[in-house]
N, C-alpha and C. Protein backbone atom coordinates (compact mmCIF):
# COMPACT_ATOMS: atom_id res chain seq x y z
N UNK A 1 66.65 110.02 137.42
CA UNK A 1 67.14 109.46 138.68
C UNK A 1 68.51 110.02 139.05
N UNK A 2 69.36 110.19 138.03
CA UNK A 2 70.67 110.78 138.25
C UNK A 2 70.53 112.24 138.66
N UNK A 3 69.63 112.95 138.00
CA UNK A 3 69.45 114.39 138.23
C UNK A 3 68.95 114.67 139.65
N UNK A 4 68.01 113.88 140.12
CA UNK A 4 67.43 114.14 141.45
C UNK A 4 68.24 113.51 142.56
N UNK A 5 69.31 112.79 142.21
CA UNK A 5 70.21 112.27 143.23
C UNK A 5 69.84 110.93 143.82
N UNK A 6 68.93 110.20 143.16
CA UNK A 6 68.58 108.86 143.66
C UNK A 6 69.77 107.92 143.52
N UNK A 7 70.51 108.10 142.44
CA UNK A 7 71.73 107.34 142.21
C UNK A 7 72.65 108.15 141.32
N UNK A 8 73.88 107.67 141.13
CA UNK A 8 74.83 108.33 140.24
C UNK A 8 75.15 107.39 139.08
N UNK A 9 75.17 107.94 137.87
CA UNK A 9 75.48 107.16 136.67
C UNK A 9 76.64 107.82 135.95
N UNK A 10 77.71 107.07 135.73
CA UNK A 10 78.85 107.55 134.95
C UNK A 10 79.02 106.64 133.74
N UNK A 11 79.04 107.26 132.55
CA UNK A 11 79.25 106.52 131.31
C UNK A 11 80.65 106.83 130.81
N UNK A 12 81.49 105.82 130.69
CA UNK A 12 82.89 105.99 130.31
C UNK A 12 83.09 105.63 128.84
N UNK A 13 83.84 106.47 128.12
CA UNK A 13 84.20 106.25 126.71
C UNK A 13 82.97 106.24 125.81
N UNK A 14 82.04 107.16 126.04
CA UNK A 14 80.85 107.21 125.21
C UNK A 14 81.18 107.57 123.76
N UNK A 15 82.35 108.14 123.52
CA UNK A 15 82.75 108.47 122.15
C UNK A 15 82.93 107.22 121.30
N UNK A 16 83.10 106.07 121.93
CA UNK A 16 83.25 104.82 121.17
C UNK A 16 81.95 104.39 120.49
N UNK A 17 80.85 104.98 120.89
CA UNK A 17 79.58 104.72 120.22
C UNK A 17 79.41 105.56 118.97
N UNK A 18 80.25 106.58 118.82
CA UNK A 18 80.10 107.52 117.70
C UNK A 18 80.81 106.93 116.49
N UNK A 19 80.09 106.15 115.73
CA UNK A 19 80.62 105.51 114.53
C UNK A 19 79.48 105.23 113.59
N UNK A 20 79.77 105.26 112.30
CA UNK A 20 78.74 104.96 111.29
C UNK A 20 78.68 103.49 110.95
N UNK A 21 79.50 102.68 111.63
CA UNK A 21 79.53 101.25 111.36
C UNK A 21 78.60 100.52 112.30
N UNK A 22 77.78 99.65 111.73
CA UNK A 22 76.87 98.88 112.56
C UNK A 22 77.59 97.84 113.39
N UNK A 23 76.97 97.42 114.48
CA UNK A 23 77.56 96.41 115.36
C UNK A 23 76.48 95.83 116.26
N UNK A 24 76.78 94.65 116.78
CA UNK A 24 75.93 94.05 117.80
C UNK A 24 76.45 94.49 119.16
N UNK A 25 75.68 95.29 119.86
CA UNK A 25 76.06 95.78 121.18
C UNK A 25 75.62 94.74 122.22
N UNK A 26 76.58 94.17 122.93
CA UNK A 26 76.28 93.16 123.95
C UNK A 26 76.69 93.69 125.31
N UNK A 27 75.82 93.51 126.29
CA UNK A 27 76.08 94.05 127.62
C UNK A 27 75.65 93.06 128.68
N UNK A 28 76.34 93.10 129.82
CA UNK A 28 75.81 92.38 130.98
C UNK A 28 74.59 93.15 131.48
N UNK A 29 73.79 92.49 132.33
CA UNK A 29 72.47 93.06 132.61
C UNK A 29 72.15 93.02 134.11
N UNK A 30 72.85 93.85 134.91
CA UNK A 30 72.60 93.80 136.34
C UNK A 30 71.34 94.54 136.80
N UNK A 31 71.00 95.67 136.17
CA UNK A 31 69.95 96.51 136.72
C UNK A 31 68.75 96.66 135.79
N UNK A 32 67.68 97.15 136.37
CA UNK A 32 66.42 97.32 135.65
C UNK A 32 66.50 98.42 134.60
N UNK A 33 67.47 99.33 134.72
CA UNK A 33 67.52 100.49 133.83
C UNK A 33 68.67 100.43 132.83
N UNK A 34 69.30 99.25 132.67
CA UNK A 34 70.43 99.13 131.74
C UNK A 34 70.06 99.54 130.32
N UNK A 35 68.92 99.06 129.85
CA UNK A 35 68.54 99.35 128.46
C UNK A 35 68.32 100.84 128.27
N UNK A 36 67.76 101.52 129.26
CA UNK A 36 67.52 102.97 129.14
C UNK A 36 68.84 103.73 129.08
N UNK A 37 69.79 103.31 129.93
CA UNK A 37 71.09 103.98 129.95
C UNK A 37 71.80 103.83 128.61
N UNK A 38 71.83 102.61 128.07
CA UNK A 38 72.57 102.38 126.82
C UNK A 38 71.91 103.07 125.64
N UNK A 39 70.59 102.92 125.50
CA UNK A 39 69.89 103.55 124.38
C UNK A 39 70.06 105.06 124.42
N UNK A 40 70.14 105.62 125.64
CA UNK A 40 70.31 107.06 125.77
C UNK A 40 71.65 107.57 125.25
N UNK A 41 72.61 106.66 125.03
CA UNK A 41 73.92 107.06 124.53
C UNK A 41 74.06 106.87 123.03
N UNK A 42 73.05 106.29 122.38
CA UNK A 42 73.16 105.93 120.98
C UNK A 42 72.26 106.79 120.10
N UNK A 43 72.79 107.16 118.93
CA UNK A 43 71.99 107.93 117.98
C UNK A 43 70.97 107.04 117.29
N UNK A 44 71.39 105.84 116.93
CA UNK A 44 70.50 104.87 116.29
C UNK A 44 70.68 103.53 116.99
N UNK A 45 69.60 102.99 117.49
CA UNK A 45 69.69 101.72 118.20
C UNK A 45 68.43 100.91 117.98
N UNK A 46 68.59 99.62 117.76
CA UNK A 46 67.47 98.71 117.65
C UNK A 46 67.56 97.67 118.77
N UNK A 47 66.42 97.09 119.11
CA UNK A 47 66.39 96.05 120.13
C UNK A 47 65.52 94.90 119.65
N UNK A 48 65.88 93.70 120.08
CA UNK A 48 65.01 92.54 119.89
C UNK A 48 64.20 92.39 121.17
N UNK A 49 62.88 92.40 121.05
CA UNK A 49 62.03 92.36 122.23
C UNK A 49 61.04 91.20 122.14
N UNK A 50 60.48 90.84 123.25
CA UNK A 50 59.52 89.74 123.30
C UNK A 50 58.31 90.03 122.42
N UNK A 51 57.91 89.03 121.63
CA UNK A 51 56.76 89.21 120.75
C UNK A 51 55.49 89.51 121.54
N UNK A 52 55.42 89.06 122.77
CA UNK A 52 54.22 89.28 123.59
C UNK A 52 53.98 90.76 123.85
N UNK A 53 55.03 91.57 123.75
CA UNK A 53 54.86 93.01 123.99
C UNK A 53 54.00 93.67 122.92
N UNK A 54 53.92 93.05 121.74
CA UNK A 54 53.07 93.60 120.69
C UNK A 54 51.59 93.45 121.03
N UNK A 55 51.29 92.65 122.04
CA UNK A 55 49.90 92.49 122.48
C UNK A 55 49.57 93.43 123.63
N UNK A 56 50.58 94.16 124.11
CA UNK A 56 50.38 95.08 125.22
C UNK A 56 49.88 96.42 124.68
N UNK A 57 48.65 96.81 124.97
CA UNK A 57 48.09 98.04 124.38
C UNK A 57 48.80 99.31 124.83
N UNK A 58 49.55 99.26 125.93
CA UNK A 58 50.20 100.45 126.45
C UNK A 58 51.53 100.76 125.76
N UNK A 59 52.24 99.72 125.29
CA UNK A 59 53.58 99.98 124.74
C UNK A 59 53.78 99.49 123.31
N UNK A 60 52.80 98.75 122.74
CA UNK A 60 53.04 98.18 121.42
C UNK A 60 53.26 99.25 120.36
N UNK A 61 52.54 100.38 120.46
CA UNK A 61 52.71 101.43 119.46
C UNK A 61 54.07 102.11 119.60
N UNK A 62 54.55 102.19 120.81
CA UNK A 62 55.86 102.81 121.05
C UNK A 62 56.97 101.97 120.42
N UNK A 63 56.95 100.68 120.67
CA UNK A 63 58.02 99.83 120.13
C UNK A 63 57.89 99.66 118.62
N UNK A 64 56.68 99.74 118.10
CA UNK A 64 56.50 99.69 116.65
C UNK A 64 57.11 100.93 116.01
N UNK A 65 56.84 102.10 116.59
CA UNK A 65 57.37 103.35 116.05
C UNK A 65 58.89 103.40 116.18
N UNK A 66 59.43 102.75 117.20
CA UNK A 66 60.89 102.72 117.38
C UNK A 66 61.56 101.76 116.41
N UNK A 67 60.77 100.92 115.75
CA UNK A 67 61.34 99.98 114.79
C UNK A 67 61.98 98.76 115.43
N UNK A 68 61.58 98.44 116.67
CA UNK A 68 62.17 97.30 117.35
C UNK A 68 61.69 95.99 116.72
N UNK A 69 62.39 94.91 117.02
CA UNK A 69 62.21 93.65 116.30
C UNK A 69 61.60 92.61 117.22
N UNK A 70 60.41 92.07 116.90
CA UNK A 70 59.85 90.98 117.71
C UNK A 70 60.66 89.70 117.54
N UNK A 71 60.81 88.97 118.60
CA UNK A 71 61.72 87.81 118.57
C UNK A 71 61.14 86.56 117.95
N UNK A 72 59.91 86.63 117.41
CA UNK A 72 59.31 85.44 116.82
C UNK A 72 59.26 85.47 115.30
N UNK A 73 59.94 86.42 114.67
CA UNK A 73 59.92 86.51 113.22
C UNK A 73 60.77 85.42 112.58
N UNK A 74 60.26 84.82 111.51
CA UNK A 74 61.01 83.77 110.83
C UNK A 74 62.27 84.31 110.16
N UNK A 75 62.20 85.55 109.68
CA UNK A 75 63.33 86.16 108.97
C UNK A 75 64.09 87.14 109.85
N UNK A 76 64.15 86.85 111.15
CA UNK A 76 64.77 87.78 112.10
C UNK A 76 66.25 88.00 111.79
N UNK A 77 66.95 86.96 111.35
CA UNK A 77 68.37 87.13 111.03
C UNK A 77 68.57 88.09 109.87
N UNK A 78 67.72 87.98 108.85
CA UNK A 78 67.82 88.87 107.70
C UNK A 78 67.55 90.32 108.11
N UNK A 79 66.55 90.51 108.98
CA UNK A 79 66.22 91.86 109.43
C UNK A 79 67.37 92.45 110.24
N UNK A 80 67.92 91.67 111.15
CA UNK A 80 69.02 92.16 111.99
C UNK A 80 70.25 92.49 111.14
N UNK A 81 70.57 91.60 110.19
CA UNK A 81 71.72 91.83 109.34
C UNK A 81 71.54 93.09 108.50
N UNK A 82 70.32 93.31 108.01
CA UNK A 82 70.04 94.50 107.21
C UNK A 82 70.21 95.77 108.03
N UNK A 83 69.72 95.77 109.25
CA UNK A 83 69.83 96.95 110.10
C UNK A 83 71.29 97.27 110.44
N UNK A 84 72.07 96.23 110.80
CA UNK A 84 73.46 96.47 111.16
C UNK A 84 74.29 96.84 109.94
N UNK A 85 73.96 96.28 108.79
CA UNK A 85 74.68 96.62 107.55
C UNK A 85 74.45 98.07 107.16
N UNK A 86 73.32 98.63 107.58
CA UNK A 86 73.02 100.02 107.26
C UNK A 86 73.63 100.99 108.27
N UNK A 87 74.41 100.46 109.24
CA UNK A 87 75.11 101.32 110.20
C UNK A 87 74.43 101.47 111.54
N UNK A 88 73.37 100.72 111.78
CA UNK A 88 72.67 100.82 113.05
C UNK A 88 73.27 99.86 114.08
N UNK A 89 73.06 100.20 115.34
CA UNK A 89 73.48 99.34 116.44
C UNK A 89 72.29 98.49 116.88
N UNK A 90 72.57 97.23 117.18
CA UNK A 90 71.53 96.33 117.67
C UNK A 90 71.92 95.89 119.08
N UNK A 91 71.09 96.22 120.05
CA UNK A 91 71.39 95.96 121.46
C UNK A 91 70.81 94.62 121.90
N UNK A 92 71.67 93.79 122.49
CA UNK A 92 71.26 92.48 122.99
C UNK A 92 71.91 92.25 124.35
N UNK A 93 71.15 91.67 125.27
CA UNK A 93 71.70 91.23 126.55
C UNK A 93 71.82 89.70 126.48
N UNK A 94 73.04 89.17 126.30
CA UNK A 94 73.20 87.72 126.11
C UNK A 94 72.67 86.87 127.26
N UNK A 95 72.58 87.44 128.46
CA UNK A 95 72.06 86.66 129.59
C UNK A 95 70.56 86.38 129.43
N UNK A 96 69.87 87.26 128.73
CA UNK A 96 68.44 87.08 128.52
C UNK A 96 67.58 87.62 129.65
N UNK A 97 68.16 87.87 130.79
CA UNK A 97 67.45 88.41 131.94
C UNK A 97 68.47 89.07 132.85
N UNK A 98 67.99 89.77 133.86
CA UNK A 98 68.93 90.44 134.77
C UNK A 98 69.72 89.44 135.60
N UNK A 99 70.93 89.86 135.97
CA UNK A 99 71.81 89.03 136.80
C UNK A 99 71.28 88.98 138.24
N UNK A 100 71.32 87.81 138.81
CA UNK A 100 70.99 87.67 140.23
C UNK A 100 72.21 88.10 141.05
N UNK A 101 72.02 88.87 142.13
CA UNK A 101 73.16 89.31 142.94
C UNK A 101 74.05 88.14 143.35
N UNK A 102 75.36 88.36 143.31
CA UNK A 102 76.38 87.38 143.69
C UNK A 102 76.44 86.16 142.76
N UNK A 103 75.86 86.29 141.57
CA UNK A 103 75.93 85.21 140.58
C UNK A 103 76.82 85.63 139.42
N UNK A 104 77.48 84.64 138.79
CA UNK A 104 78.29 84.91 137.63
C UNK A 104 77.42 85.10 136.39
N UNK A 105 77.95 85.79 135.41
CA UNK A 105 77.23 85.97 134.15
C UNK A 105 77.09 84.62 133.46
N UNK A 106 75.86 84.29 133.07
CA UNK A 106 75.56 83.04 132.36
C UNK A 106 74.76 83.40 131.11
N UNK A 107 75.36 83.18 129.95
CA UNK A 107 74.76 83.64 128.70
C UNK A 107 74.04 82.53 127.96
N UNK A 108 72.96 82.91 127.30
CA UNK A 108 72.32 82.03 126.34
C UNK A 108 73.06 82.17 125.01
N UNK A 109 72.76 81.26 124.08
CA UNK A 109 73.54 81.22 122.85
C UNK A 109 73.00 82.13 121.74
N UNK A 110 71.85 82.73 121.94
CA UNK A 110 71.21 83.50 120.89
C UNK A 110 72.05 84.67 120.38
N UNK A 111 72.65 85.43 121.28
CA UNK A 111 73.44 86.59 120.87
C UNK A 111 74.65 86.17 120.04
N UNK A 112 75.31 85.10 120.45
CA UNK A 112 76.47 84.62 119.71
C UNK A 112 76.06 84.10 118.32
N UNK A 113 74.95 83.38 118.26
CA UNK A 113 74.44 82.91 116.97
C UNK A 113 74.18 84.09 116.05
N UNK A 114 73.59 85.12 116.60
CA UNK A 114 73.28 86.32 115.81
C UNK A 114 74.55 86.97 115.27
N UNK A 115 75.56 87.11 116.12
CA UNK A 115 76.81 87.74 115.71
C UNK A 115 77.51 86.93 114.63
N UNK A 116 77.56 85.62 114.80
CA UNK A 116 78.27 84.76 113.85
C UNK A 116 77.53 84.69 112.52
N UNK A 117 76.24 84.47 112.56
CA UNK A 117 75.47 84.28 111.33
C UNK A 117 75.31 85.58 110.54
N UNK A 118 75.31 86.72 111.24
CA UNK A 118 75.23 88.01 110.55
C UNK A 118 76.61 88.56 110.19
N UNK A 119 77.66 87.88 110.65
CA UNK A 119 79.03 88.28 110.34
C UNK A 119 79.26 89.75 110.68
N UNK A 120 78.91 90.11 111.91
CA UNK A 120 79.01 91.50 112.34
C UNK A 120 80.01 91.66 113.48
N UNK A 121 80.49 92.87 113.66
CA UNK A 121 81.33 93.17 114.81
C UNK A 121 80.48 93.18 116.08
N UNK A 122 81.15 92.96 117.22
CA UNK A 122 80.48 93.10 118.51
C UNK A 122 81.10 94.28 119.25
N UNK A 123 80.29 94.89 120.11
CA UNK A 123 80.78 95.97 120.96
C UNK A 123 80.25 95.73 122.36
N UNK A 124 81.17 95.47 123.29
CA UNK A 124 80.76 95.14 124.65
C UNK A 124 80.53 96.39 125.49
N UNK A 125 79.56 96.27 126.39
CA UNK A 125 79.28 97.31 127.38
C UNK A 125 79.26 96.64 128.75
N UNK A 126 80.05 97.17 129.68
CA UNK A 126 80.17 96.59 131.02
C UNK A 126 79.48 97.49 132.02
N UNK A 127 78.57 96.92 132.80
CA UNK A 127 77.77 97.70 133.75
C UNK A 127 77.96 97.14 135.15
N UNK A 128 78.24 98.01 136.09
CA UNK A 128 78.34 97.61 137.49
C UNK A 128 77.55 98.59 138.35
N UNK A 129 77.04 98.08 139.46
CA UNK A 129 76.32 98.92 140.42
C UNK A 129 76.85 98.63 141.81
N UNK A 130 77.25 99.66 142.51
CA UNK A 130 77.79 99.52 143.86
C UNK A 130 77.18 100.58 144.79
N UNK A 131 76.39 100.13 145.79
CA UNK A 131 75.95 98.75 146.05
C UNK A 131 74.91 98.31 145.01
N UNK A 132 74.61 97.03 145.02
CA UNK A 132 73.67 96.48 144.05
C UNK A 132 72.29 97.11 144.23
N UNK A 133 71.71 97.54 143.12
CA UNK A 133 70.36 98.09 143.17
C UNK A 133 69.64 97.74 141.88
N UNK A 134 68.34 97.56 141.98
CA UNK A 134 67.50 97.23 140.82
C UNK A 134 67.90 95.92 140.15
N UNK A 135 68.59 95.05 140.90
CA UNK A 135 68.94 93.73 140.40
C UNK A 135 67.71 92.83 140.44
N UNK A 136 67.83 91.70 139.76
CA UNK A 136 66.79 90.68 139.83
C UNK A 136 66.67 90.19 141.28
N UNK A 137 65.46 90.19 141.80
CA UNK A 137 65.26 89.77 143.18
C UNK A 137 65.33 90.91 144.18
N UNK A 138 65.72 92.11 143.71
CA UNK A 138 65.75 93.29 144.59
C UNK A 138 64.65 94.23 144.14
N UNK A 139 63.68 94.49 144.98
CA UNK A 139 62.55 95.35 144.63
C UNK A 139 63.04 96.78 144.35
N UNK A 140 62.35 97.46 143.42
CA UNK A 140 62.76 98.82 143.05
C UNK A 140 62.67 99.78 144.23
N UNK A 141 61.79 99.47 145.18
CA UNK A 141 61.62 100.35 146.33
C UNK A 141 62.57 99.99 147.48
N UNK A 142 63.39 98.95 147.31
CA UNK A 142 64.35 98.54 148.34
C UNK A 142 65.61 99.39 148.17
N UNK A 143 65.64 100.53 148.80
CA UNK A 143 66.71 101.51 148.61
C UNK A 143 67.91 101.19 149.50
N UNK A 144 69.12 101.11 148.91
CA UNK A 144 70.33 100.85 149.73
C UNK A 144 70.60 101.99 150.70
N UNK A 145 71.38 101.70 151.73
CA UNK A 145 71.70 102.72 152.72
C UNK A 145 72.59 103.81 152.14
N UNK A 146 73.43 103.46 151.17
CA UNK A 146 74.27 104.45 150.51
C UNK A 146 73.82 104.60 149.06
N UNK A 147 74.02 105.78 148.48
CA UNK A 147 73.57 106.05 147.12
C UNK A 147 74.30 105.17 146.13
N UNK A 148 73.58 104.41 145.30
CA UNK A 148 74.24 103.53 144.34
C UNK A 148 75.03 104.30 143.28
N UNK A 149 76.17 103.74 142.91
CA UNK A 149 76.99 104.27 141.82
C UNK A 149 76.95 103.26 140.68
N UNK A 150 76.37 103.66 139.54
CA UNK A 150 76.32 102.79 138.37
C UNK A 150 77.36 103.27 137.37
N UNK A 151 78.29 102.38 137.03
CA UNK A 151 79.32 102.69 136.05
C UNK A 151 79.08 101.89 134.78
N UNK A 152 79.17 102.57 133.65
CA UNK A 152 78.96 101.95 132.35
C UNK A 152 80.22 102.20 131.52
N UNK A 153 80.89 101.12 131.13
CA UNK A 153 82.13 101.22 130.35
C UNK A 153 81.86 100.70 128.94
N UNK A 154 82.05 101.55 127.95
CA UNK A 154 81.85 101.18 126.56
C UNK A 154 83.20 100.81 125.95
N UNK A 155 83.30 99.62 125.38
CA UNK A 155 84.55 99.15 124.81
C UNK A 155 84.55 99.32 123.29
N UNK A 156 85.73 99.13 122.70
CA UNK A 156 85.86 99.24 121.25
C UNK A 156 85.18 98.06 120.55
N UNK A 157 84.79 98.26 119.31
CA UNK A 157 84.22 97.18 118.51
C UNK A 157 85.28 96.10 118.27
N UNK A 158 84.83 94.85 118.21
CA UNK A 158 85.72 93.72 117.95
C UNK A 158 85.16 92.88 116.81
N UNK A 159 86.05 92.38 115.98
CA UNK A 159 85.65 91.48 114.91
C UNK A 159 85.63 90.05 115.44
N UNK A 160 84.66 89.28 114.98
CA UNK A 160 84.57 87.87 115.37
C UNK A 160 85.26 86.95 114.35
N UNK A 161 85.89 87.53 113.33
CA UNK A 161 86.41 86.73 112.23
C UNK A 161 87.47 85.74 112.68
N UNK A 162 88.37 86.16 113.58
CA UNK A 162 89.43 85.26 114.04
C UNK A 162 88.85 84.04 114.73
N UNK A 163 87.78 84.22 115.47
CA UNK A 163 87.14 83.10 116.14
C UNK A 163 86.46 82.18 115.13
N UNK A 164 85.81 82.77 114.13
CA UNK A 164 85.17 81.97 113.09
C UNK A 164 86.20 81.15 112.32
N UNK A 165 87.33 81.78 112.01
CA UNK A 165 88.37 81.11 111.21
C UNK A 165 88.95 79.88 111.90
N UNK A 166 88.98 79.90 113.23
CA UNK A 166 89.59 78.78 113.94
C UNK A 166 88.56 77.77 114.44
N UNK A 167 87.32 77.94 114.02
CA UNK A 167 86.25 77.01 114.41
C UNK A 167 85.84 76.16 113.21
N UNK A 168 85.51 74.92 113.46
CA UNK A 168 85.21 73.99 112.37
C UNK A 168 83.82 74.21 111.78
N UNK A 169 82.93 74.85 112.52
CA UNK A 169 81.57 75.05 112.04
C UNK A 169 80.96 76.26 112.72
N UNK A 170 79.83 76.72 112.18
CA UNK A 170 79.12 77.86 112.78
C UNK A 170 78.64 77.55 114.20
N UNK A 171 78.04 76.38 114.46
CA UNK A 171 77.63 76.09 115.84
C UNK A 171 78.79 76.10 116.84
N UNK A 172 79.95 75.59 116.42
CA UNK A 172 81.11 75.60 117.31
C UNK A 172 81.56 77.03 117.57
N UNK A 173 81.59 77.85 116.53
CA UNK A 173 81.97 79.25 116.70
C UNK A 173 81.01 79.96 117.65
N UNK A 174 79.71 79.66 117.53
CA UNK A 174 78.72 80.28 118.41
C UNK A 174 78.91 79.85 119.86
N UNK A 175 79.22 78.57 120.07
CA UNK A 175 79.46 78.10 121.44
C UNK A 175 80.69 78.78 122.04
N UNK A 176 81.73 78.92 121.24
CA UNK A 176 82.95 79.56 121.74
C UNK A 176 82.72 81.04 122.02
N UNK A 177 81.94 81.69 121.17
CA UNK A 177 81.65 83.10 121.39
C UNK A 177 80.78 83.29 122.63
N UNK A 178 79.88 82.36 122.88
CA UNK A 178 79.07 82.41 124.10
C UNK A 178 79.95 82.34 125.34
N UNK A 179 80.94 81.44 125.31
CA UNK A 179 81.87 81.33 126.45
C UNK A 179 82.68 82.62 126.61
N UNK A 180 83.03 83.22 125.46
CA UNK A 180 83.76 84.49 125.52
C UNK A 180 82.89 85.57 126.16
N UNK A 181 81.62 85.61 125.79
CA UNK A 181 80.71 86.59 126.40
C UNK A 181 80.64 86.39 127.91
N UNK A 182 80.56 85.13 128.35
CA UNK A 182 80.44 84.88 129.79
C UNK A 182 81.66 85.38 130.55
N UNK A 183 82.84 85.26 129.95
CA UNK A 183 84.06 85.75 130.61
C UNK A 183 84.20 87.26 130.45
N UNK A 184 83.97 87.76 129.26
CA UNK A 184 84.28 89.16 128.97
C UNK A 184 83.17 90.13 129.38
N UNK A 185 82.06 89.61 129.91
CA UNK A 185 81.02 90.46 130.47
C UNK A 185 80.88 90.28 131.98
N UNK A 186 81.78 89.48 132.56
CA UNK A 186 81.74 89.21 134.00
C UNK A 186 82.60 90.24 134.73
N UNK A 187 81.98 91.18 135.46
CA UNK A 187 82.74 92.28 136.10
C UNK A 187 83.86 91.82 137.02
N UNK A 188 83.72 90.68 137.67
CA UNK A 188 84.73 90.24 138.63
C UNK A 188 86.00 89.75 137.95
N UNK A 189 86.00 89.57 136.62
CA UNK A 189 87.16 89.03 135.90
C UNK A 189 87.95 90.09 135.15
N UNK A 190 87.73 91.36 135.45
CA UNK A 190 88.39 92.46 134.74
C UNK A 190 88.21 92.31 133.22
N UNK A 191 86.96 92.26 132.76
CA UNK A 191 86.69 91.94 131.35
C UNK A 191 87.14 93.01 130.37
N UNK A 192 87.35 94.24 130.85
CA UNK A 192 87.79 95.29 129.92
C UNK A 192 89.18 95.00 129.35
N UNK A 193 89.92 94.10 129.98
CA UNK A 193 91.25 93.75 129.50
C UNK A 193 91.23 92.56 128.53
N UNK A 194 90.07 91.98 128.28
CA UNK A 194 89.97 90.80 127.43
C UNK A 194 89.66 91.19 125.99
N UNK A 195 90.10 90.36 125.05
CA UNK A 195 89.79 90.54 123.64
C UNK A 195 89.52 89.17 123.02
N UNK A 196 88.85 89.18 121.88
CA UNK A 196 88.62 87.92 121.17
C UNK A 196 89.94 87.29 120.75
N UNK A 197 90.92 88.11 120.36
CA UNK A 197 92.23 87.59 119.97
C UNK A 197 92.87 86.82 121.12
N UNK A 198 92.77 87.36 122.34
CA UNK A 198 93.29 86.66 123.51
C UNK A 198 92.61 85.32 123.69
N UNK A 199 91.32 85.31 123.48
CA UNK A 199 90.56 84.08 123.65
C UNK A 199 90.99 83.04 122.62
N UNK A 200 91.14 83.46 121.36
CA UNK A 200 91.55 82.55 120.30
C UNK A 200 92.94 81.99 120.56
N UNK A 201 93.83 82.85 121.08
CA UNK A 201 95.19 82.43 121.35
C UNK A 201 95.34 81.66 122.65
N UNK A 202 94.24 81.56 123.41
CA UNK A 202 94.29 80.81 124.66
C UNK A 202 94.91 81.57 125.80
N UNK A 203 94.91 82.91 125.73
CA UNK A 203 95.52 83.71 126.79
C UNK A 203 94.61 83.83 128.01
N UNK A 204 93.36 83.44 127.86
CA UNK A 204 92.50 83.27 129.03
C UNK A 204 91.51 82.18 128.69
N UNK A 205 90.95 81.56 129.71
CA UNK A 205 90.04 80.43 129.51
C UNK A 205 88.73 80.70 130.22
N UNK A 206 87.69 80.03 129.72
CA UNK A 206 86.37 80.12 130.34
C UNK A 206 85.69 78.79 130.15
């Protein structure tokens, strides 16, 4: 799509993905092609996908060969922790679905639970599209009058340890990390300037 000029895609700081350390990659999810863009920048990447896709005869063999993880496994935490401990990246969209235009980022708690229980670093990816295209509720054939510009900003890895240390329990830490995701993945709040340390110190609120 970028090559034929349907839209323009710029990926900023892609060198931050070049590391042998595993991490949970968390991104906001505005467009239909976010997962393709991010996976295309990674040497090794895993995804948690709907178990129902294993019943789809057209794609089940593809996701099996890619080593992706069905979301209904009882030992899913152990599998995810093993993959990230071996240096692989695990891609998750905390919202669980694409963002509706003009709506704020609203995250489910699963990604935060995964990060806290696996004791792994997180790496945020911020995606914006101007004008909005391929969003939830916008048909793929509904072409904007001007060519969309999709910007993808890759941030440095962050440790969740400071947040865990100041929380009384794992569920509380997960709730606080979920709120951090909602603020630090919301494009309108200049999330690239936010850090977990700022959140712990109360330098911004959500």
